[in-house]
Amino acid sequence: MGFAIAENCAFLGAEVILISGPVSLTPQHPGIKWIKVKTASQMHDACMLHFRSCDAAVLAAAVADFSPQQTYIKKVKRGMVDWSINLKPTTDIAADLGNVKTGGQVLAGFALESDNELENAKAKLKRKNFDFIVLNSLKDPDSGFETDTNKITIIDKNNIIDNFELKSKKDAASDIVGKLIRMMKTL
C-alpha cells in the first residue's frame, strides 16, 4: 500500500519522500525521492529526520516490533543443544512521530487486526496520536499482503468511520489520499 499511496500523492503533485525497507517494488513516478533502509533503527532515524519538514506522513507498514538481542557476524554452527533467540523491542516509530507531530501536520497509520478489529484500531489511533488510521482485517480474503486488492476501513480522530469494499490497491490508495487531503484542509 505504501508504494501505491506514494504514487498517488506524486501524481497529484505532492513532493513525496518514500522510506522503505528491502522490497521487490520500485517507485514508478520520477518525482518520488526513495530512501532505502535495512533495519528498524535506520527506518526510525530516516522517519524522524524527514517528518519534521513534512506536511503529512502515512505509515503504511510496520517494521518488526522486535529484533534479536544478539547478532553474529559469522555463521553459527549446529551443535548447540538449547538454542534460543532472545528478542528486544524495536523503537516505536509511530509513537515517536506522534509525540513530535505539530498542529500543522497530519499523521496517518495502519492497523492490521485479527480480533476486535475496530476497537483495537481506535485504541492505536489514540495511542499513536494519529489523525486517522487505515484498518485491515486478517479475516478479509483477497486483501492485504501478496495480493493486488485490499479492503479497508478508515477511522479518523473524530470517530468518523468510512468502510470501503474490496478494490485494487491503486483505488484503495486513492481513497486514503482523499482522506489525507480532506484532513489537511481542516488544519
N, C-alpha and C. Protein backbone atom coordinates (compact mmCIF):
# COMPACT_ATOMS: atom_id res chain seq x y z
N MET A 1 0.83 -1.20 0.00
CA MET A 1 0.00 0.00 0.00
C MET A 1 0.87 1.26 0.00
N GLY A 2 2.02 1.21 0.66
CA GLY A 2 2.87 2.39 0.75
C GLY A 2 3.29 2.92 -0.60
N PHE A 3 3.66 2.02 -1.50
CA PHE A 3 4.08 2.47 -2.83
C PHE A 3 2.90 3.04 -3.61
N ALA A 4 1.74 2.42 -3.49
CA ALA A 4 0.55 2.92 -4.18
C ALA A 4 0.15 4.30 -3.65
N ILE A 5 0.26 4.51 -2.35
CA ILE A 5 -0.05 5.82 -1.76
C ILE A 5 0.96 6.86 -2.23
N ALA A 6 2.23 6.50 -2.22
CA ALA A 6 3.27 7.43 -2.68
C ALA A 6 3.05 7.81 -4.14
N GLU A 7 2.74 6.83 -4.97
CA GLU A 7 2.49 7.11 -6.40
C GLU A 7 1.30 8.05 -6.56
N ASN A 8 0.23 7.80 -5.82
CA ASN A 8 -0.97 8.63 -5.91
C ASN A 8 -0.66 10.06 -5.51
N CYS A 9 0.05 10.24 -4.41
CA CYS A 9 0.41 11.58 -3.94
C CYS A 9 1.29 12.31 -4.97
N ALA A 10 2.28 11.60 -5.51
CA ALA A 10 3.17 12.21 -6.50
C ALA A 10 2.40 12.59 -7.76
N PHE A 11 1.49 11.73 -8.19
CA PHE A 11 0.67 12.01 -9.37
C PHE A 11 -0.15 13.29 -9.17
N LEU A 12 -0.57 13.55 -7.92
CA LEU A 12 -1.35 14.75 -7.62
C LEU A 12 -0.48 15.99 -7.42
N GLY A 13 0.85 15.83 -7.53
CA GLY A 13 1.75 16.96 -7.46
C GLY A 13 2.46 17.16 -6.13
N ALA A 14 2.28 16.23 -5.21
CA ALA A 14 2.95 16.37 -3.91
C ALA A 14 4.43 16.02 -4.04
N GLU A 15 5.22 16.65 -3.19
CA GLU A 15 6.62 16.26 -3.06
C GLU A 15 6.64 15.07 -2.11
N VAL A 16 7.10 13.92 -2.59
CA VAL A 16 6.98 12.68 -1.84
C VAL A 16 8.35 12.11 -1.49
N ILE A 17 8.50 11.77 -0.23
CA ILE A 17 9.65 11.02 0.24
C ILE A 17 9.12 9.66 0.66
N LEU A 18 9.60 8.61 0.04
CA LEU A 18 9.19 7.25 0.34
C LEU A 18 10.34 6.55 1.05
N ILE A 19 10.12 6.18 2.29
CA ILE A 19 11.14 5.46 3.07
C ILE A 19 10.68 4.02 3.16
N SER A 20 11.52 3.10 2.69
CA SER A 20 11.11 1.69 2.71
C SER A 20 12.28 0.80 3.07
N GLY A 21 11.92 -0.36 3.59
CA GLY A 21 12.89 -1.41 3.81
C GLY A 21 13.10 -2.16 2.51
N PRO A 22 13.81 -3.29 2.57
CA PRO A 22 14.05 -4.08 1.36
C PRO A 22 12.74 -4.60 0.77
N VAL A 23 12.49 -4.27 -0.46
CA VAL A 23 11.28 -4.69 -1.17
C VAL A 23 11.61 -5.02 -2.61
N SER A 24 10.70 -5.70 -3.27
CA SER A 24 10.90 -6.01 -4.68
C SER A 24 10.25 -4.96 -5.58
N LEU A 25 9.61 -3.96 -4.98
CA LEU A 25 8.94 -2.90 -5.74
C LEU A 25 9.90 -1.75 -6.02
N THR A 26 9.56 -0.95 -7.02
CA THR A 26 10.30 0.26 -7.35
C THR A 26 9.29 1.35 -7.64
N PRO A 27 9.47 2.55 -7.07
CA PRO A 27 8.53 3.63 -7.40
C PRO A 27 8.60 3.94 -8.89
N GLN A 28 7.44 4.16 -9.48
CA GLN A 28 7.37 4.43 -10.91
C GLN A 28 7.38 5.92 -11.23
N HIS A 29 6.90 6.75 -10.32
CA HIS A 29 6.85 8.19 -10.56
C HIS A 29 8.24 8.78 -10.36
N PRO A 30 8.72 9.55 -11.34
CA PRO A 30 10.09 10.09 -11.23
C PRO A 30 10.25 11.14 -10.13
N GLY A 31 9.16 11.68 -9.63
CA GLY A 31 9.25 12.71 -8.61
C GLY A 31 9.36 12.19 -7.18
N ILE A 32 9.32 10.89 -7.02
CA ILE A 32 9.39 10.31 -5.67
C ILE A 32 10.85 10.17 -5.25
N LYS A 33 11.19 10.75 -4.10
CA LYS A 33 12.52 10.56 -3.52
C LYS A 33 12.44 9.29 -2.67
N TRP A 34 13.22 8.29 -3.05
CA TRP A 34 13.15 6.98 -2.41
C TRP A 34 14.35 6.79 -1.50
N ILE A 35 14.09 6.55 -0.25
CA ILE A 35 15.14 6.29 0.73
C ILE A 35 15.01 4.84 1.16
N LYS A 36 16.06 4.06 0.93
CA LYS A 36 16.04 2.64 1.26
C LYS A 36 16.79 2.43 2.57
N VAL A 37 16.18 1.67 3.47
CA VAL A 37 16.82 1.32 4.73
C VAL A 37 16.78 -0.19 4.90
N LYS A 38 17.60 -0.68 5.83
CA LYS A 38 17.64 -2.13 6.06
C LYS A 38 17.19 -2.51 7.45
N THR A 39 17.32 -1.63 8.41
CA THR A 39 16.99 -2.00 9.79
C THR A 39 15.90 -1.10 10.35
N ALA A 40 15.29 -1.56 11.43
CA ALA A 40 14.27 -0.75 12.11
C ALA A 40 14.89 0.54 12.63
N SER A 41 16.10 0.48 13.10
CA SER A 41 16.79 1.67 13.60
C SER A 41 17.02 2.69 12.49
N GLN A 42 17.42 2.22 11.33
CA GLN A 42 17.60 3.11 10.18
C GLN A 42 16.27 3.72 9.75
N MET A 43 15.21 2.92 9.78
CA MET A 43 13.88 3.41 9.44
C MET A 43 13.47 4.51 10.41
N HIS A 44 13.67 4.28 11.68
CA HIS A 44 13.35 5.28 12.71
C HIS A 44 14.10 6.58 12.45
N ASP A 45 15.39 6.48 12.25
CA ASP A 45 16.21 7.68 12.05
C ASP A 45 15.77 8.46 10.81
N ALA A 46 15.51 7.76 9.72
CA ALA A 46 15.08 8.42 8.48
C ALA A 46 13.72 9.08 8.65
N CYS A 47 12.79 8.39 9.31
CA CYS A 47 11.46 8.96 9.53
C CYS A 47 11.54 10.20 10.41
N MET A 48 12.29 10.13 11.49
CA MET A 48 12.40 11.28 12.40
C MET A 48 13.04 12.47 11.69
N LEU A 49 14.04 12.22 10.88
CA LEU A 49 14.73 13.29 10.16
C LEU A 49 13.80 14.00 9.18
N HIS A 50 13.05 13.24 8.41
CA HIS A 50 12.24 13.84 7.34
C HIS A 50 10.87 14.31 7.81
N PHE A 51 10.34 13.74 8.88
CA PHE A 51 8.99 14.11 9.32
C PHE A 51 8.90 15.57 9.76
N ARG A 52 9.93 16.08 10.35
CA ARG A 52 9.90 17.46 10.87
C ARG A 52 9.59 18.49 9.78
N SER A 53 9.94 18.19 8.54
CA SER A 53 9.70 19.15 7.45
C SER A 53 8.53 18.74 6.55
N CYS A 54 7.76 17.75 6.96
CA CYS A 54 6.63 17.26 6.15
C CYS A 54 5.31 17.88 6.59
N ASP A 55 4.40 17.99 5.65
CA ASP A 55 3.03 18.38 5.96
C ASP A 55 2.23 17.18 6.44
N ALA A 56 2.60 15.99 5.96
CA ALA A 56 1.86 14.78 6.31
C ALA A 56 2.75 13.56 6.16
N ALA A 57 2.38 12.52 6.88
CA ALA A 57 3.08 11.23 6.75
C ALA A 57 2.05 10.12 6.88
N VAL A 58 2.23 9.10 6.05
CA VAL A 58 1.40 7.91 6.12
C VAL A 58 2.33 6.73 6.41
N LEU A 59 2.09 6.09 7.54
CA LEU A 59 2.89 4.94 7.94
C LEU A 59 2.16 3.69 7.49
N ALA A 60 2.53 3.21 6.31
CA ALA A 60 1.72 2.17 5.66
C ALA A 60 2.08 0.75 6.06
N ALA A 61 3.25 0.55 6.63
CA ALA A 61 3.63 -0.81 7.04
C ALA A 61 4.61 -0.70 8.18
N ALA A 62 4.45 -1.56 9.14
CA ALA A 62 5.32 -1.53 10.32
C ALA A 62 6.58 -2.34 10.08
N VAL A 63 7.65 -1.85 10.67
CA VAL A 63 8.85 -2.68 10.72
C VAL A 63 8.63 -3.69 11.83
N ALA A 64 9.53 -4.58 11.99
CA ALA A 64 9.40 -5.60 13.03
C ALA A 64 9.29 -4.95 14.41
N ASP A 65 8.43 -5.49 15.25
CA ASP A 65 8.29 -4.97 16.61
C ASP A 65 9.43 -5.41 17.52
N PHE A 66 10.14 -6.45 17.09
CA PHE A 66 11.24 -6.98 17.89
C PHE A 66 12.43 -7.28 17.00
N SER A 67 13.62 -7.24 17.60
CA SER A 67 14.84 -7.63 16.91
C SER A 67 15.67 -8.50 17.85
N PRO A 68 16.60 -9.28 17.30
CA PRO A 68 17.42 -10.13 18.17
C PRO A 68 18.28 -9.31 19.12
N GLN A 69 18.40 -9.77 20.36
CA GLN A 69 19.27 -9.09 21.31
C GLN A 69 20.73 -9.25 20.92
N GLN A 70 21.04 -10.37 20.34
CA GLN A 70 22.42 -10.64 19.96
C GLN A 70 22.45 -11.07 18.51
N THR A 71 23.40 -10.53 17.76
CA THR A 71 23.58 -10.95 16.37
C THR A 71 25.02 -11.46 16.20
N TYR A 72 25.23 -12.22 15.17
CA TYR A 72 26.54 -12.80 14.90
C TYR A 72 26.99 -12.39 13.52
N ILE A 73 28.27 -12.12 13.36
CA ILE A 73 28.78 -11.75 12.04
C ILE A 73 29.28 -12.98 11.28
N LYS A 74 29.40 -14.09 12.00
CA LYS A 74 29.82 -15.33 11.37
C LYS A 74 28.70 -16.37 11.52
N LYS A 75 28.77 -17.39 10.72
CA LYS A 75 27.79 -18.46 10.76
C LYS A 75 27.82 -19.15 12.13
N VAL A 76 26.66 -19.41 12.67
CA VAL A 76 26.55 -20.17 13.91
C VAL A 76 26.38 -21.64 13.51
N LYS A 77 27.29 -22.47 13.96
CA LYS A 77 27.29 -23.89 13.59
C LYS A 77 26.28 -24.68 14.41
N ARG A 78 25.84 -25.77 13.85
CA ARG A 78 24.98 -26.71 14.59
C ARG A 78 25.72 -27.24 15.80
N GLY A 79 24.97 -27.78 16.72
CA GLY A 79 25.60 -28.42 17.85
C GLY A 79 25.18 -27.85 19.19
N MET A 80 24.64 -26.64 19.18
CA MET A 80 24.14 -26.10 20.44
C MET A 80 22.88 -26.86 20.82
N VAL A 81 22.80 -27.28 22.04
CA VAL A 81 21.68 -28.11 22.48
C VAL A 81 20.42 -27.28 22.72
N ASP A 82 20.52 -26.25 23.50
CA ASP A 82 19.36 -25.43 23.86
C ASP A 82 19.41 -24.09 23.14
N TRP A 83 19.21 -24.10 21.86
CA TRP A 83 19.30 -22.88 21.06
C TRP A 83 18.02 -22.06 21.21
N SER A 84 18.17 -20.77 21.48
CA SER A 84 17.02 -19.87 21.51
C SER A 84 17.48 -18.50 21.08
N ILE A 85 16.54 -17.71 20.63
CA ILE A 85 16.82 -16.33 20.23
C ILE A 85 16.06 -15.42 21.16
N ASN A 86 16.78 -14.57 21.87
CA ASN A 86 16.15 -13.59 22.75
C ASN A 86 15.90 -12.32 21.95
N LEU A 87 14.72 -11.75 22.15
CA LEU A 87 14.32 -10.56 21.39
C LEU A 87 14.23 -9.35 22.30
N LYS A 88 14.40 -8.18 21.68
CA LYS A 88 14.20 -6.91 22.36
C LYS A 88 13.27 -6.07 21.50
N PRO A 89 12.48 -5.20 22.12
CA PRO A 89 11.57 -4.36 21.32
C PRO A 89 12.36 -3.36 20.48
N THR A 90 11.86 -3.10 19.28
CA THR A 90 12.43 -2.03 18.46
C THR A 90 11.80 -0.71 18.88
N THR A 91 12.38 0.38 18.45
CA THR A 91 11.82 1.69 18.74
C THR A 91 10.49 1.85 18.03
N ASP A 92 9.51 2.42 18.71
CA ASP A 92 8.17 2.61 18.16
C ASP A 92 8.15 3.87 17.31
N ILE A 93 8.33 3.71 16.02
CA ILE A 93 8.42 4.85 15.09
C ILE A 93 7.13 5.66 15.11
N ALA A 94 6.00 5.00 15.06
CA ALA A 94 4.71 5.70 15.04
C ALA A 94 4.52 6.54 16.29
N ALA A 95 4.82 5.97 17.45
CA ALA A 95 4.67 6.72 18.70
C ALA A 95 5.62 7.91 18.74
N ASP A 96 6.84 7.71 18.29
CA ASP A 96 7.80 8.82 18.31
C ASP A 96 7.37 9.94 17.36
N LEU A 97 6.85 9.60 16.19
CA LEU A 97 6.36 10.63 15.27
C LEU A 97 5.13 11.32 15.87
N GLY A 98 4.25 10.55 16.49
CA GLY A 98 3.07 11.13 17.13
C GLY A 98 3.45 12.10 18.24
N ASN A 99 4.54 11.84 18.92
CA ASN A 99 4.99 12.72 20.00
C ASN A 99 5.55 14.04 19.51
N VAL A 100 6.11 14.07 18.29
CA VAL A 100 6.69 15.31 17.77
C VAL A 100 5.80 16.00 16.75
N LYS A 101 4.67 15.39 16.43
CA LYS A 101 3.75 15.96 15.44
C LYS A 101 3.27 17.33 15.90
N THR A 102 3.24 18.27 14.98
CA THR A 102 2.75 19.61 15.28
C THR A 102 1.30 19.74 14.82
N GLY A 103 0.67 20.82 15.21
CA GLY A 103 -0.71 21.06 14.80
C GLY A 103 -0.88 21.26 13.32
N GLY A 104 0.19 21.52 12.61
CA GLY A 104 0.12 21.72 11.17
C GLY A 104 0.43 20.48 10.35
N GLN A 105 0.54 19.33 11.02
CA GLN A 105 0.86 18.09 10.32
C GLN A 105 -0.26 17.07 10.48
N VAL A 106 -0.39 16.22 9.46
CA VAL A 106 -1.32 15.10 9.52
C VAL A 106 -0.49 13.82 9.57
N LEU A 107 -0.84 12.96 10.52
CA LEU A 107 -0.15 11.67 10.67
C LEU A 107 -1.19 10.56 10.57
N ALA A 108 -0.94 9.63 9.66
CA ALA A 108 -1.85 8.51 9.45
C ALA A 108 -1.08 7.21 9.57
N GLY A 109 -1.78 6.19 10.05
CA GLY A 109 -1.14 4.89 10.19
C GLY A 109 -2.07 3.78 9.77
N PHE A 110 -1.58 2.57 9.88
CA PHE A 110 -2.33 1.37 9.53
C PHE A 110 -2.44 0.47 10.74
N ALA A 111 -3.50 -0.31 10.78
CA ALA A 111 -3.67 -1.33 11.80
C ALA A 111 -4.12 -2.61 11.11
N LEU A 112 -3.32 -3.65 11.24
CA LEU A 112 -3.70 -4.97 10.75
C LEU A 112 -4.19 -5.75 11.95
N GLU A 113 -5.44 -6.12 11.95
CA GLU A 113 -6.04 -6.75 13.13
C GLU A 113 -6.69 -8.08 12.77
N SER A 114 -6.77 -8.96 13.79
CA SER A 114 -7.42 -10.25 13.60
C SER A 114 -8.60 -10.43 14.56
N ASP A 115 -8.60 -9.71 15.66
CA ASP A 115 -9.68 -9.80 16.65
C ASP A 115 -10.01 -8.40 17.14
N ASN A 116 -11.26 -8.16 17.46
CA ASN A 116 -11.69 -6.84 17.94
C ASN A 116 -11.10 -5.73 17.09
N GLU A 117 -11.25 -5.89 15.79
CA GLU A 117 -10.58 -5.02 14.84
C GLU A 117 -10.83 -3.53 15.09
N LEU A 118 -12.09 -3.15 15.14
CA LEU A 118 -12.43 -1.74 15.27
C LEU A 118 -11.93 -1.16 16.59
N GLU A 119 -12.14 -1.87 17.68
CA GLU A 119 -11.71 -1.38 18.99
C GLU A 119 -10.19 -1.25 19.05
N ASN A 120 -9.47 -2.26 18.53
CA ASN A 120 -8.01 -2.21 18.55
C ASN A 120 -7.47 -1.08 17.67
N ALA A 121 -8.10 -0.87 16.52
CA ALA A 121 -7.66 0.21 15.63
C ALA A 121 -7.91 1.58 16.27
N LYS A 122 -9.06 1.74 16.91
CA LYS A 122 -9.35 3.01 17.59
C LYS A 122 -8.36 3.27 18.72
N ALA A 123 -8.02 2.24 19.45
CA ALA A 123 -7.05 2.39 20.54
C ALA A 123 -5.68 2.79 20.00
N LYS A 124 -5.28 2.19 18.89
CA LYS A 124 -3.99 2.53 18.28
C LYS A 124 -4.02 3.95 17.74
N LEU A 125 -5.12 4.36 17.16
CA LEU A 125 -5.30 5.73 16.66
C LEU A 125 -4.98 6.74 17.76
N LYS A 126 -5.53 6.54 18.93
CA LYS A 126 -5.31 7.45 20.06
C LYS A 126 -3.91 7.32 20.62
N ARG A 127 -3.46 6.09 20.80
CA ARG A 127 -2.16 5.83 21.42
C ARG A 127 -1.01 6.42 20.62
N LYS A 128 -1.12 6.40 19.30
CA LYS A 128 -0.04 6.87 18.43
C LYS A 128 -0.22 8.33 18.00
N ASN A 129 -1.32 8.96 18.43
CA ASN A 129 -1.61 10.35 18.07
C ASN A 129 -1.78 10.51 16.55
N PHE A 130 -2.45 9.53 15.93
CA PHE A 130 -2.75 9.61 14.50
C PHE A 130 -3.96 10.51 14.29
N ASP A 131 -4.03 11.08 13.10
CA ASP A 131 -5.22 11.82 12.69
C ASP A 131 -6.25 10.87 12.09
N PHE A 132 -5.75 9.82 11.43
CA PHE A 132 -6.63 8.74 11.00
C PHE A 132 -5.82 7.46 10.87
N ILE A 133 -6.56 6.35 10.88
CA ILE A 133 -5.92 5.04 10.79
C ILE A 133 -6.67 4.22 9.74
N VAL A 134 -5.93 3.42 9.01
CA VAL A 134 -6.49 2.54 7.99
C VAL A 134 -6.48 1.13 8.57
N LEU A 135 -7.66 0.57 8.72
CA LEU A 135 -7.81 -0.76 9.29
C LEU A 135 -7.87 -1.81 8.19
N ASN A 136 -7.01 -2.82 8.32
CA ASN A 136 -7.06 -4.02 7.51
C ASN A 136 -7.40 -5.18 8.44
N SER A 137 -8.22 -6.08 7.99
CA SER A 137 -8.56 -7.26 8.78
C SER A 137 -7.93 -8.49 8.18
N LEU A 138 -7.36 -9.32 9.02
CA LEU A 138 -6.82 -10.60 8.54
C LEU A 138 -7.93 -11.54 8.09
N LYS A 139 -9.17 -11.21 8.44
CA LYS A 139 -10.30 -12.06 8.10
C LYS A 139 -10.82 -11.82 6.68
N ASP A 140 -10.41 -10.71 6.06
CA ASP A 140 -10.89 -10.38 4.72
C ASP A 140 -10.07 -11.11 3.66
N PRO A 141 -10.69 -12.00 2.90
CA PRO A 141 -9.94 -12.69 1.84
C PRO A 141 -9.57 -11.72 0.72
N ASP A 142 -8.49 -11.99 0.04
CA ASP A 142 -8.03 -11.20 -1.11
C ASP A 142 -7.66 -9.77 -0.74
N SER A 143 -7.30 -9.52 0.51
CA SER A 143 -6.88 -8.17 0.88
C SER A 143 -5.59 -8.23 1.68
N GLY A 144 -4.87 -7.13 1.62
CA GLY A 144 -3.65 -7.04 2.41
C GLY A 144 -2.42 -7.50 1.65
N PHE A 145 -1.73 -8.48 2.20
CA PHE A 145 -0.43 -8.89 1.68
C PHE A 145 -0.55 -9.83 0.49
N GLU A 146 0.47 -9.76 -0.38
CA GLU A 146 0.62 -10.66 -1.51
C GLU A 146 -0.60 -10.72 -2.42
N THR A 147 -1.27 -9.60 -2.55
CA THR A 147 -2.41 -9.51 -3.46
C THR A 147 -2.48 -8.06 -3.96
N ASP A 148 -3.10 -7.85 -5.10
CA ASP A 148 -3.22 -6.51 -5.66
C ASP A 148 -4.51 -5.83 -5.24
N THR A 149 -5.25 -6.45 -4.31
CA THR A 149 -6.50 -5.86 -3.84
C THR A 149 -6.45 -5.65 -2.34
N ASN A 150 -7.34 -4.78 -1.87
CA ASN A 150 -7.41 -4.51 -0.44
C ASN A 150 -8.82 -4.05 -0.08
N LYS A 151 -9.22 -4.34 1.13
CA LYS A 151 -10.50 -3.89 1.68
C LYS A 151 -10.16 -3.15 2.96
N ILE A 152 -10.45 -1.86 3.01
CA ILE A 152 -10.03 -1.03 4.13
C ILE A 152 -11.20 -0.37 4.83
N THR A 153 -10.95 0.02 6.05
CA THR A 153 -11.84 0.89 6.81
C THR A 153 -10.97 2.02 7.33
N ILE A 154 -11.41 3.26 7.14
CA ILE A 154 -10.68 4.42 7.63
C ILE A 154 -11.43 5.00 8.82
N ILE A 155 -10.71 5.19 9.91
CA ILE A 155 -11.27 5.76 11.13
C ILE A 155 -10.46 7.02 11.45
N ASP A 156 -11.15 8.14 11.65
CA ASP A 156 -10.38 9.34 11.97
C ASP A 156 -10.53 9.73 13.43
N LYS A 157 -9.78 10.75 13.83
CA LYS A 157 -9.74 11.16 15.23
C LYS A 157 -11.08 11.71 15.72
N ASN A 158 -11.99 12.03 14.80
CA ASN A 158 -13.33 12.50 15.16
C ASN A 158 -14.33 11.34 15.18
N ASN A 159 -13.82 10.12 15.11
CA ASN A 159 -14.62 8.89 15.11
C ASN A 159 -15.52 8.76 13.88
N ILE A 160 -15.10 9.36 12.79
CA ILE A 160 -15.79 9.16 11.52
C ILE A 160 -15.21 7.89 10.90
N ILE A 161 -16.10 6.96 10.56
CA ILE A 161 -15.67 5.66 10.04
C ILE A 161 -16.17 5.50 8.61
N ASP A 162 -15.24 5.24 7.70
CA ASP A 162 -15.57 5.01 6.30
C ASP A 162 -15.18 3.58 5.95
N ASN A 163 -16.17 2.78 5.56
CA ASN A 163 -15.93 1.39 5.14
C ASN A 163 -15.90 1.35 3.62
N PHE A 164 -14.92 0.63 3.08
CA PHE A 164 -14.78 0.51 1.64
C PHE A 164 -14.87 -0.96 1.24
N GLU A 165 -15.36 -1.19 0.05
CA GLU A 165 -15.45 -2.55 -0.49
C GLU A 165 -14.07 -2.98 -0.99
N LEU A 166 -13.93 -4.25 -1.29
CA LEU A 166 -12.71 -4.78 -1.88
C LEU A 166 -12.47 -4.09 -3.22
N LYS A 167 -11.25 -3.60 -3.40
CA LYS A 167 -10.89 -2.92 -4.65
C LYS A 167 -9.39 -3.03 -4.87
N SER A 168 -8.93 -2.56 -5.99
CA SER A 168 -7.49 -2.61 -6.28
C SER A 168 -6.74 -1.74 -5.25
N LYS A 169 -5.49 -2.08 -5.02
CA LYS A 169 -4.69 -1.27 -4.08
C LYS A 169 -4.53 0.16 -4.61
N LYS A 170 -4.48 0.30 -5.91
CA LYS A 170 -4.39 1.63 -6.50
C LYS A 170 -5.63 2.46 -6.14
N ASP A 171 -6.81 1.85 -6.23
CA ASP A 171 -8.04 2.55 -5.88
C ASP A 171 -8.15 2.77 -4.37
N ALA A 172 -7.70 1.80 -3.58
CA ALA A 172 -7.69 1.97 -2.13
C ALA A 172 -6.74 3.11 -1.73
N ALA A 173 -5.61 3.19 -2.41
CA ALA A 173 -4.66 4.28 -2.16
C ALA A 173 -5.31 5.63 -2.46
N SER A 174 -6.10 5.70 -3.50
CA SER A 174 -6.81 6.93 -3.84
C SER A 174 -7.78 7.32 -2.73
N ASP A 175 -8.46 6.34 -2.13
CA ASP A 175 -9.36 6.62 -1.01
C ASP A 175 -8.57 7.17 0.18
N ILE A 176 -7.43 6.58 0.45
CA ILE A 176 -6.59 7.02 1.58
C ILE A 176 -6.06 8.42 1.34
N VAL A 177 -5.57 8.68 0.14
CA VAL A 177 -5.05 10.01 -0.18
C VAL A 177 -6.17 11.04 -0.14
N GLY A 178 -7.36 10.67 -0.58
CA GLY A 178 -8.50 11.59 -0.48
C GLY A 178 -8.77 11.98 0.96
N LYS A 179 -8.72 11.02 1.87
CA LYS A 179 -8.90 11.31 3.29
C LYS A 179 -7.77 12.19 3.80
N LEU A 180 -6.56 11.91 3.37
CA LEU A 180 -5.40 12.72 3.77
C LEU A 180 -5.59 14.17 3.35
N ILE A 181 -6.03 14.38 2.14
CA ILE A 181 -6.25 15.74 1.64
C ILE A 181 -7.35 16.45 2.44
N ARG A 182 -8.43 15.73 2.70
CA ARG A 182 -9.53 16.34 3.50
C ARG A 182 -9.05 16.70 4.91
N MET A 183 -8.24 15.86 5.51
CA MET A 183 -7.73 16.14 6.84
C MET A 183 -6.77 17.34 6.82
N MET A 184 -5.97 17.44 5.78
CA MET A 184 -5.03 18.57 5.68
C MET A 184 -5.78 19.89 5.50
N LYS A 185 -6.90 19.86 4.82
CA LYS A 185 -7.68 21.08 4.61
C LYS A 185 -8.31 21.60 5.89
N THR A 186 -8.46 20.73 6.90
CA THR A 186 -9.09 21.15 8.16
C THR A 186 -8.08 21.77 9.14
N LEU A 187 -6.80 21.74 8.79
CA LEU A 187 -5.78 22.30 9.69
C LEU A 187 -5.76 23.81 9.66
